[in-house]
């Protein structure tokens, strides 16, 4: 096994899951808790939570999701469809020899958690979602919505759709991109500054410059872990999750905006960009209407989109409390 950054009590292995080789960081024993990261992240984004959850009596698994890190990254966007990404999670539960698991997710990992809860509720004990409220299925094709908004200003969701463009820009300077996007998405950042730039701007130029490291929640060595891995793999695997949004929209037509009936907990940074309510509807009110067994909703003051990194002790404490009553 290749070397990995040391996190106390965490081991690493490769599993054959749903037709791909998946890298999983894991610790502990008992009922599985699967931690699902977003873009542009890795298993390493859960480094603060894994040991504490394992010590509390859970079997914690933090995979590099399909397209990331040491996990296989199929080139074909169709390999990131609904059956594939949700199948990775049920396959991981099977690989544990378990019937059911608790899922925890942020960003695309949150979307994956919500979708798996709709598709496979019988495989889940509960879900914990960080920062990305469930709003149901969009009424229009996602790429069309992105393109309309991108006529007015830079929008990364639209910029990412064209194969090769963002891949080359971000892959050409992974450390600068990661520093800028991590800072902009944090509670101290200003992500919406990106919208001050016209269409045709590159993502790195649209993102505000980041202050020098270390920050209170990220060191130079920690950023180097991400930068080295994305320098090795490139960003195409992660970008394919964006490029598969239309495909997954088509594949979820049978679900529509079905309610999520699995027991659910929601935890977010108060300043997270996904709570802004761009459609004119309050996303938290919308989520409450679609998640009838939403057992708790917690907002952490001052934190942003990277809440489990920005406020690791608080997030871990809330997760442990949620898991006491799954």
Protein backbone atom coordinates (compact mmCIF):
# COMPACT_ATOMS: atom_id res chain seq x y z
CA UNK A 1 0.00 0.00 0.00
CA UNK A 2 1.30 3.43 -0.91
CA UNK A 3 2.11 5.84 1.89
CA UNK A 4 -0.63 8.04 3.32
CA UNK A 5 -0.60 10.93 5.77
CA UNK A 6 -0.66 9.59 9.29
CA UNK A 7 -3.96 9.87 11.16
CA UNK A 8 -4.04 8.11 14.53
CA UNK A 9 -5.63 4.68 14.38
CA UNK A 10 -6.49 4.87 10.68
CA UNK A 11 -5.58 2.06 8.29
CA UNK A 12 -5.91 1.96 4.51
CA UNK A 13 -6.97 -0.69 2.05
CA UNK A 14 -8.24 -1.17 -1.47
CA UNK A 15 -11.63 -2.81 -1.93
CA UNK A 16 -13.27 -4.21 -5.05
CA UNK A 17 -16.59 -2.36 -4.97
CA UNK A 18 -19.24 -2.12 -7.70
CA UNK A 19 -16.78 -2.81 -10.49
CA UNK A 20 -14.06 -0.38 -9.38
CA UNK A 21 -11.10 -0.43 -7.00
CA UNK A 22 -11.94 1.88 -4.10
CA UNK A 23 -9.48 3.23 -1.57
CA UNK A 24 -10.89 3.37 1.94
CA UNK A 25 -9.44 4.84 5.12
CA UNK A 26 -10.98 3.10 8.11
CA UNK A 27 -10.86 2.72 11.86
CA UNK A 28 -12.84 1.02 14.60
CA UNK A 29 -15.37 -1.80 14.62
CA UNK A 30 -19.13 -2.15 14.85
CA UNK A 31 -21.87 -0.63 12.72
CA UNK A 32 -20.46 1.15 9.65
CA UNK A 33 -20.45 4.93 9.40
CA UNK A 34 -19.45 6.00 5.88
CA UNK A 35 -18.08 9.53 5.42
CA UNK A 36 -18.58 10.93 1.90
CA UNK A 37 -16.49 13.91 0.81
CA UNK A 38 -17.14 16.51 -1.89
CA UNK A 39 -15.18 18.49 -4.49
CA UNK A 40 -12.25 19.08 -4.37
CA UNK A 41 -11.62 16.79 -1.43
CA UNK A 42 -10.37 13.36 -0.40
CA UNK A 43 -10.87 10.93 2.47
CA UNK A 44 -8.41 13.23 4.28
CA UNK A 45 -11.10 15.87 4.77
CA UNK A 46 -12.54 13.66 7.55
CA UNK A 47 -9.23 13.25 9.39
CA UNK A 48 -10.50 15.02 12.51
CA UNK A 49 -13.66 12.94 12.78
CA UNK A 50 -12.47 9.40 11.98
CA UNK A 51 -10.57 8.62 15.23
CA UNK A 52 -13.22 10.05 17.54
CA UNK A 53 -16.11 8.20 15.88
CA UNK A 54 -14.11 4.96 15.92
CA UNK A 55 -13.28 5.40 19.59
CA UNK A 56 -17.01 5.80 20.28
CA UNK A 57 -17.67 2.31 18.95
CA UNK A 58 -18.35 2.76 15.23
CA UNK A 59 -16.64 1.25 12.21
CA UNK A 60 -15.70 4.38 10.30
CA UNK A 61 -14.99 4.28 6.58
CA UNK A 62 -13.87 7.34 4.64
CA UNK A 63 -13.48 6.41 0.96
CA UNK A 64 -11.89 8.36 -1.81
CA UNK A 65 -15.08 8.52 -3.87
CA UNK A 66 -15.17 7.38 -7.48
CA UNK A 67 -12.95 9.74 -9.49
CA UNK A 68 -10.74 10.84 -6.58
CA UNK A 69 -7.44 9.99 -4.99
CA UNK A 70 -6.42 6.32 -5.05
CA UNK A 71 -9.89 5.15 -6.17
CA UNK A 72 -10.50 4.39 -9.83
CA UNK A 73 -11.49 7.39 -11.94
CA UNK A 74 -13.37 6.24 -15.07
CA UNK A 75 -12.98 8.65 -17.99
CA UNK A 76 -16.55 8.18 -19.26
CA UNK A 77 -19.00 10.60 -17.64
CA UNK A 78 -21.68 7.89 -17.84
CA UNK A 79 -19.72 6.00 -15.17
CA UNK A 80 -20.82 8.68 -12.67
CA UNK A 81 -24.53 8.02 -13.05
CA UNK A 82 -27.01 7.34 -10.28
CA UNK A 83 -26.71 3.56 -10.27
CA UNK A 84 -22.93 3.75 -10.25
CA UNK A 85 -22.36 6.26 -7.44
CA UNK A 86 -25.16 4.93 -5.21
CA UNK A 87 -24.01 1.40 -6.02
CA UNK A 88 -20.55 2.30 -4.72
CA UNK A 89 -22.11 3.02 -1.32
CA UNK A 90 -24.26 -0.09 -1.12
CA UNK A 91 -21.28 -2.08 -2.35
CA UNK A 92 -19.17 -0.61 0.44
CA UNK A 93 -21.84 -1.62 2.98
CA UNK A 94 -21.77 -5.13 1.50
CA UNK A 95 -17.97 -5.19 1.74
CA UNK A 96 -18.32 -4.56 5.47
CA UNK A 97 -20.57 -7.60 5.79
CA UNK A 98 -23.30 -5.29 7.09
CA UNK A 99 -26.98 -4.91 6.31
CA UNK A 100 -27.18 -1.18 7.01
CA UNK A 101 -24.96 1.81 7.69
CA UNK A 102 -25.10 5.47 8.66
CA UNK A 103 -24.11 7.83 5.86
CA UNK A 104 -22.49 11.22 6.42
CA UNK A 105 -21.91 13.56 3.48
CA UNK A 106 -20.83 17.04 2.44
CA UNK A 107 -21.09 18.79 -0.95
CA UNK A 108 -21.31 16.12 -3.68
CA UNK A 109 -21.08 13.62 -0.85
CA UNK A 110 -24.27 15.17 0.54
CA UNK A 111 -26.03 14.82 -2.80
CA UNK A 112 -24.85 11.21 -2.88
CA UNK A 113 -26.24 10.62 0.61
CA UNK A 114 -29.65 12.09 -0.23
CA UNK A 115 -29.86 10.09 -3.47
CA UNK A 116 -28.82 6.85 -1.77
CA UNK A 117 -31.45 7.46 0.90
CA UNK A 118 -34.08 7.69 -1.84
CA UNK A 119 -32.82 4.68 -3.78
CA UNK A 120 -31.83 2.35 -0.95
CA UNK A 121 -33.58 3.35 2.30
CA UNK A 122 -33.49 -0.26 3.49
CA UNK A 123 -29.68 -0.13 3.61
CA UNK A 124 -29.46 2.92 5.86
CA UNK A 125 -29.94 3.44 9.58
CA UNK A 126 -29.77 7.22 9.27
CA UNK A 127 -28.16 10.02 7.28
CA UNK A 128 -26.23 13.03 8.48
CA UNK A 129 -25.83 15.78 5.90
CA UNK A 130 -23.42 18.68 6.23
CA UNK A 131 -24.28 21.95 4.49
CA UNK A 132 -26.20 20.78 1.42
CA UNK A 133 -29.97 20.73 2.07
CA UNK A 134 -32.21 18.39 0.14
CA UNK A 135 -34.37 20.39 -2.25
CA UNK A 136 -35.77 17.71 -4.52
CA UNK A 137 -35.21 17.33 -8.24
CA UNK A 138 -34.69 20.53 -10.28
CA UNK A 139 -37.53 21.30 -12.67
CA UNK A 140 -35.16 21.95 -15.58
CA UNK A 141 -32.01 20.29 -16.86
CA UNK A 142 -29.12 21.46 -14.62
CA UNK A 143 -26.81 22.48 -17.47
CA UNK A 144 -29.53 24.73 -18.89
CA UNK A 145 -29.98 26.46 -15.54
CA UNK A 146 -26.21 26.93 -15.25
CA UNK A 147 -25.88 28.31 -18.79
CA UNK A 148 -28.63 30.86 -18.18
CA UNK A 149 -26.97 32.17 -15.03
CA UNK A 150 -23.53 32.15 -16.68
CA UNK A 151 -24.67 34.68 -19.28
CA UNK A 152 -24.53 37.31 -16.53
CA UNK A 153 -21.38 36.36 -14.61
CA UNK A 154 -18.82 33.64 -14.04
CA UNK A 155 -20.36 30.46 -12.67
CA UNK A 156 -18.17 27.47 -11.93
CA UNK A 157 -21.06 25.05 -12.47
CA UNK A 158 -21.25 26.13 -16.10
CA UNK A 159 -17.48 26.52 -16.54
CA UNK A 160 -16.97 22.90 -15.46
CA UNK A 161 -19.28 21.46 -18.14
CA UNK A 162 -16.88 21.68 -21.10
CA UNK A 163 -14.45 18.73 -20.95
CA UNK A 164 -10.81 19.68 -20.79
CA UNK A 165 -11.10 23.38 -19.99
CA UNK A 166 -11.25 23.43 -16.20
CA UNK A 167 -9.20 20.23 -16.13
CA UNK A 168 -6.25 22.02 -17.72
CA UNK A 169 -6.58 25.22 -15.69
CA UNK A 170 -6.93 23.59 -12.26
CA UNK A 171 -4.46 20.81 -13.01
CA UNK A 172 -1.88 23.38 -14.07
CA UNK A 173 -1.78 24.96 -10.60
CA UNK A 174 -3.45 22.67 -8.07
CA UNK A 175 -2.02 24.27 -4.94
CA UNK A 176 -3.13 27.79 -5.88
CA UNK A 177 -6.59 26.59 -6.85
CA UNK A 178 -7.06 24.56 -3.67
CA UNK A 179 -5.87 27.35 -1.40
CA UNK A 180 -8.18 29.87 -3.07
CA UNK A 181 -11.27 27.68 -3.16
CA UNK A 182 -10.83 26.40 0.40
CA UNK A 183 -10.45 29.95 1.71
CA UNK A 184 -13.29 31.39 -0.38
CA UNK A 185 -15.70 28.69 0.82
CA UNK A 186 -14.78 29.10 4.48
CA UNK A 187 -16.68 31.27 6.92
CA UNK A 188 -13.98 33.93 6.65
CA UNK A 189 -13.95 33.89 2.86
CA UNK A 190 -16.04 35.64 0.24
CA UNK A 191 -17.06 33.06 -2.34
CA UNK A 192 -19.63 35.28 -4.01
CA UNK A 193 -16.81 37.55 -5.18
CA UNK A 194 -16.55 35.04 -8.04
CA UNK A 195 -19.80 36.44 -9.39
CA UNK A 196 -18.19 39.84 -9.87
CA UNK A 197 -16.26 38.41 -12.83
CA UNK A 198 -17.63 38.22 -16.38
CA UNK A 199 -18.31 35.04 -18.36
CA UNK A 200 -15.12 33.63 -19.82
CA UNK A 201 -13.04 34.15 -16.67
CA UNK A 202 -11.00 31.19 -15.44
CA UNK A 203 -11.90 29.77 -12.05
CA UNK A 204 -8.58 30.57 -10.37
CA UNK A 205 -8.80 34.19 -11.53
CA UNK A 206 -12.41 34.42 -10.35
CA UNK A 207 -11.58 33.17 -6.85
CA UNK A 208 -10.26 35.77 -4.40
CA UNK A 209 -6.61 35.32 -3.36
CA UNK A 210 -6.13 33.34 -0.17
CA UNK A 211 -4.09 34.70 2.77
CA UNK A 212 -0.80 32.98 3.61
CA UNK A 213 -0.94 29.71 5.53
CA UNK A 214 -1.26 28.59 8.25
CA UNK A 215 -4.88 29.45 8.94
CA UNK A 216 -6.58 28.51 12.18
CA UNK A 217 -7.91 25.33 10.55
CA UNK A 218 -5.40 24.45 7.80
CA UNK A 219 -1.62 24.19 7.73
CA UNK A 220 0.77 24.22 4.80
CA UNK A 221 1.48 20.51 5.31
CA UNK A 222 -2.23 19.68 5.26
CA UNK A 223 -2.82 21.63 2.07
CA UNK A 224 0.20 19.87 0.57
CA UNK A 225 -1.57 16.51 1.00
CA UNK A 226 -4.40 17.66 -1.26
CA UNK A 227 -2.12 19.46 -3.71
CA UNK A 228 0.16 16.46 -4.16
CA UNK A 229 -2.71 14.07 -4.73
CA UNK A 230 -4.49 16.29 -7.26
CA UNK A 231 -1.16 17.02 -8.98
CA UNK A 232 -0.85 13.25 -9.42
CA UNK A 233 -4.42 12.50 -10.53
CA UNK A 234 -5.65 15.75 -12.04
CA UNK A 235 -9.18 17.01 -11.42
CA UNK A 236 -11.09 15.27 -14.21
CA UNK A 237 -12.52 12.55 -11.97
CA UNK A 238 -14.02 15.13 -9.62
CA UNK A 239 -15.20 17.33 -12.49
CA UNK A 240 -17.03 14.36 -13.98
CA UNK A 241 -19.45 14.52 -11.03
CA UNK A 242 -20.47 17.97 -12.32
CA UNK A 243 -20.64 16.75 -15.91
CA UNK A 244 -22.89 13.88 -14.86
CA UNK A 245 -25.49 16.18 -13.27
CA UNK A 246 -27.68 16.14 -16.40
CA UNK A 247 -27.39 12.35 -16.58
CA UNK A 248 -28.36 11.91 -12.95
CA UNK A 249 -31.22 14.39 -13.41
CA UNK A 250 -32.54 12.20 -16.21
CA UNK A 251 -32.03 9.05 -14.14
CA UNK A 252 -33.95 10.44 -11.16
CA UNK A 253 -37.08 11.30 -13.14
CA UNK A 254 -38.78 8.31 -11.50
CA UNK A 255 -38.07 9.80 -8.07
CA UNK A 256 -39.04 13.38 -8.79
CA UNK A 257 -38.98 15.28 -5.50
CA UNK A 258 -39.87 12.27 -3.40
CA UNK A 259 -39.51 12.73 0.34
CA UNK A 260 -36.49 11.29 2.13
CA UNK A 261 -37.95 9.09 4.85
CA UNK A 262 -34.73 7.82 6.43
CA UNK A 263 -34.00 9.39 9.85
CA UNK A 264 -31.95 12.49 9.06
CA UNK A 265 -29.78 15.07 10.80
CA UNK A 266 -28.57 18.29 9.22
CA UNK A 267 -25.49 20.25 10.30
CA UNK A 268 -24.19 23.34 8.54
CA UNK A 269 -21.97 26.32 8.80
CA UNK A 270 -24.11 29.40 9.25
CA UNK A 271 -22.22 31.14 6.41
CA UNK A 272 -22.33 28.26 3.95
CA UNK A 273 -22.98 29.30 0.35
CA UNK A 274 -25.57 26.54 -0.11
CA UNK A 275 -27.90 28.16 2.42
CA UNK A 276 -28.26 31.33 0.34
CA UNK A 277 -31.50 30.31 -1.36
CA UNK A 278 -30.79 31.32 -4.98
CA UNK A 279 -34.17 30.09 -6.24
CA UNK A 280 -36.05 32.52 -4.03
CA UNK A 281 -37.07 29.72 -1.67
CA UNK A 282 -35.53 29.20 1.73
CA UNK A 283 -33.60 25.93 1.28
CA UNK A 284 -33.99 24.93 4.93
CA UNK A 285 -37.78 25.36 4.82
CA UNK A 286 -37.84 23.39 1.57
CA UNK A 287 -35.78 20.61 3.16
CA UNK A 288 -38.06 20.41 6.19
CA UNK A 289 -41.02 19.85 3.87
CA UNK A 290 -39.25 17.01 2.02
CA UNK A 291 -37.54 15.25 4.95
CA UNK A 292 -40.34 14.26 7.33
CA UNK A 293 -38.01 12.51 9.77
CA UNK A 294 -35.55 15.40 10.07
CA UNK A 295 -34.63 14.97 13.72
CA UNK A 296 -32.31 17.92 14.23
CA UNK A 297 -31.02 20.93 12.32
CA UNK A 298 -27.90 22.66 13.69
CA UNK A 299 -26.15 25.76 12.35
CA UNK A 300 -22.63 26.55 13.57
CA UNK A 301 -22.12 30.32 13.84
CA UNK A 302 -19.33 31.78 11.74
CA UNK A 303 -18.49 28.57 9.88
CA UNK A 304 -18.70 28.12 6.13
CA UNK A 305 -18.86 25.27 3.63
CA UNK A 306 -15.87 23.36 5.03
CA UNK A 307 -17.46 23.06 8.43
CA UNK A 308 -15.85 19.76 9.46
CA UNK A 309 -12.41 21.32 8.85
CA UNK A 310 -13.16 24.79 10.16
CA UNK A 311 -14.85 23.61 13.38
CA UNK A 312 -13.67 20.02 13.81
CA UNK A 313 -14.34 19.66 17.54
CA UNK A 314 -17.87 21.05 17.27
CA UNK A 315 -18.72 18.94 14.24
CA UNK A 316 -17.35 15.81 15.87
CA UNK A 317 -19.33 16.47 19.05
CA UNK A 318 -22.55 16.90 17.07
CA UNK A 319 -21.89 13.75 15.04
CA UNK A 320 -21.34 11.73 18.20
CA UNK A 321 -24.55 13.07 19.67
CA UNK A 322 -26.51 12.29 16.50
CA UNK A 323 -25.06 8.79 16.37
CA UNK A 324 -26.19 8.11 19.92
CA UNK A 325 -29.77 8.15 18.58
CA UNK A 326 -29.68 6.97 14.97
